[in-house]
Amino acid sequence: MAQDNGSNLGWFVAGAVVGAVAALLYAPQSGQDTRKYIGKSALEGRDALGESGKELMERGKELYERGKRISEDAGDLFDRGKKLVQG
């Protein structure tokens, strides 16, 4: 799933770049207005990347904890099976 999030993030960034270029080419705005627009778009993109990073980090923590529990459960099962064989 992490690959899906990375892929989605890549497509989002690519779309933002294409959108910014199209806006520059077709915008009937002054240079100052265009620079403000680009700055605002860059901040929005940065915020979106930050949120995606947080989501990926949380998902990674969840998967780590799940793997840790599975490993501990497997160790407990191994110990119980070992006791059954020995005793």
Protein backbone atom coordinates (compact mmCIF):
# COMPACT_ATOMS: atom_id res chain seq x y z
CA MET A 1 0.00 0.00 0.00
CA ALA A 2 2.91 2.34 0.63
CA GLN A 3 3.77 2.05 -3.03
CA ASP A 4 0.26 3.14 -3.94
CA ASN A 5 0.60 6.25 -1.76
CA GLY A 6 3.96 7.07 -3.30
CA SER A 7 2.55 6.61 -6.78
CA ASN A 8 -0.45 8.79 -5.96
CA LEU A 9 1.83 11.43 -4.53
CA GLY A 10 3.96 11.37 -7.68
CA TRP A 11 0.90 11.81 -9.88
CA PHE A 12 -0.34 14.64 -7.67
CA VAL A 13 2.96 16.48 -7.98
CA ALA A 14 3.05 15.92 -11.73
CA GLY A 15 -0.51 17.21 -12.05
CA ALA A 16 0.34 20.27 -9.97
CA VAL A 17 3.30 21.06 -12.22
CA VAL A 18 1.25 20.62 -15.41
CA GLY A 19 -1.51 22.77 -13.93
CA ALA A 20 0.94 25.51 -12.97
CA VAL A 21 2.49 25.53 -16.45
CA ALA A 22 -0.93 25.68 -18.11
CA ALA A 23 -1.96 28.51 -15.81
CA LEU A 24 1.17 30.45 -16.71
CA LEU A 25 0.62 29.99 -20.42
CA TYR A 26 -3.05 30.94 -20.45
CA ALA A 27 -3.38 33.34 -17.53
CA PRO A 28 -4.25 36.92 -18.51
CA GLN A 29 -2.63 38.19 -15.31
CA SER A 30 0.24 40.49 -14.59
CA GLY A 31 3.61 39.08 -13.63
CA GLN A 32 3.08 40.06 -10.01
CA ASP A 33 -0.30 38.28 -9.85
CA THR A 34 1.19 35.24 -11.52
CA ARG A 35 4.05 35.13 -9.00
CA LYS A 36 1.52 35.33 -6.14
CA TYR A 37 -0.43 32.48 -7.71
CA ILE A 38 2.71 30.36 -8.09
CA GLY A 39 3.70 31.07 -4.48
CA LYS A 40 0.26 30.12 -3.23
CA SER A 41 0.27 26.93 -5.32
CA ALA A 42 3.73 26.03 -4.05
CA LEU A 43 2.59 26.42 -0.43
CA GLU A 44 -0.48 24.28 -1.08
CA GLY A 45 1.71 21.62 -2.70
CA ARG A 46 4.13 21.71 0.23
CA ASP A 47 1.24 21.30 2.68
CA ALA A 48 -0.17 18.38 0.68
CA LEU A 49 3.23 16.69 0.64
CA GLY A 50 3.55 17.20 4.38
CA GLU A 51 0.16 15.62 5.02
CA SER A 52 0.99 12.68 2.75
CA GLY A 53 4.25 12.19 4.61
CA LYS A 54 2.44 12.18 7.95
CA GLU A 55 -0.07 9.64 6.66
CA LEU A 56 2.72 7.40 5.37
CA MET A 57 4.54 7.66 8.69
CA GLU A 58 1.41 6.71 10.64
CA ARG A 59 0.75 3.77 8.33
CA GLY A 60 4.35 2.63 8.77
CA LYS A 61 3.99 2.76 12.55
CA GLU A 62 0.79 0.74 12.38
CA LEU A 63 2.41 -1.90 10.19
CA TYR A 64 5.45 -2.06 12.49
CA GLU A 65 3.27 -2.59 15.56
CA ARG A 66 1.23 -5.24 13.75
CA GLY A 67 4.37 -7.07 12.68
CA LYS A 68 5.73 -6.88 16.21
CA ARG A 69 2.53 -8.43 17.63
CA ILE A 70 2.58 -11.20 15.01
CA SER A 71 6.21 -11.95 15.83
CA GLU A 72 5.51 -12.08 19.55
CA ASP A 73 2.50 -14.34 18.99
CA ALA A 74 4.59 -16.66 16.81
CA GLY A 75 7.26 -16.82 19.53
CA ASP A 76 4.62 -17.70 22.14
CA LEU A 77 3.21 -20.42 19.91
CA PHE A 78 6.69 -21.81 19.34
CA ASP A 79 7.36 -21.91 23.09
CA ARG A 80 4.06 -23.68 23.76
CA GLY A 81 4.73 -26.21 21.02
CA LYS A 82 8.22 -26.83 22.36
CA LYS A 83 6.81 -27.49 25.85
CA LEU A 84 4.24 -29.91 24.43
CA VAL A 85 6.91 -31.87 22.58
CA GLN A 86 9.25 -31.99 25.57
CA GLY A 87 6.71 -32.69 28.26
